[in-house]
């Protein structure tokens, strides 16, 4: 049976990590999220690159067959800061039982509607991951989110609590460099590639900072991979970490 549901669970398990103004900013984009030429066009271009990293990490962690169509069959996954479901839906197609969590109710409503239209069974929950009792998951993902939260330590601690024994966490975030300030904040927002007000450069996290924060949460970070851009390749995985990067994490 196809069932994309929305939950309003609020059982408290920790401190608040949501910034209300950030939730409002992204909630205002909800109805446009799935338009590949709309305000989230950059995410649509970024998603295949992220998915390539996710698939590689999944196969390496669980020693799966890279040719298999459903490497997450029988496993659970949660995407925190899921927006309208751009990552949740591919994870469901890879076989996972997926939960998506987002601070903006407008986003989870749009996500659930789109999943129903796609015939996918995904549970969506509106709220703060630090205040939701959702159990644990084999795969925990959070893409382009930590730079928007109020308390990075509390946020990562909440993610760590959701990670099942033997599980895998995957994160992505912009790096705090001079180039990211120029490209992701200055140029991208100036030309409309990213909605104005999306990024605050001072909230970006360097790989070394993220490694330390994950260690405080009891997690060991893998080697980061960059997301770079070139006219010939477009967005692609790279050793260049200057703009954006992805990492895996496991229990230390």
Foldseek 3Di string as FASTA:
>chain_A
DFAAEEDAAFAAQADFWADVVLLVVLLVCQVVCPPCPDQPVVVVVCLVQVVVVVLVVLCVLVVDDSPDFASQAPFAEEEEQCFLNSPVVSNVRSHHAYEYEHQHPSRSVNNSVVSVVVRTHYYYYHDGLNRGDDAAGQEYEYEAPLLRIRDNLSNLLSSLRRHDASHKYKYKHWALDPVQCCPVQNPCCVVSVHPHPNGDSVSTHHPVRVQVSNVVSQKHKDDKWAFDADPVPGTHTHNDRNTMIMIMIHGD
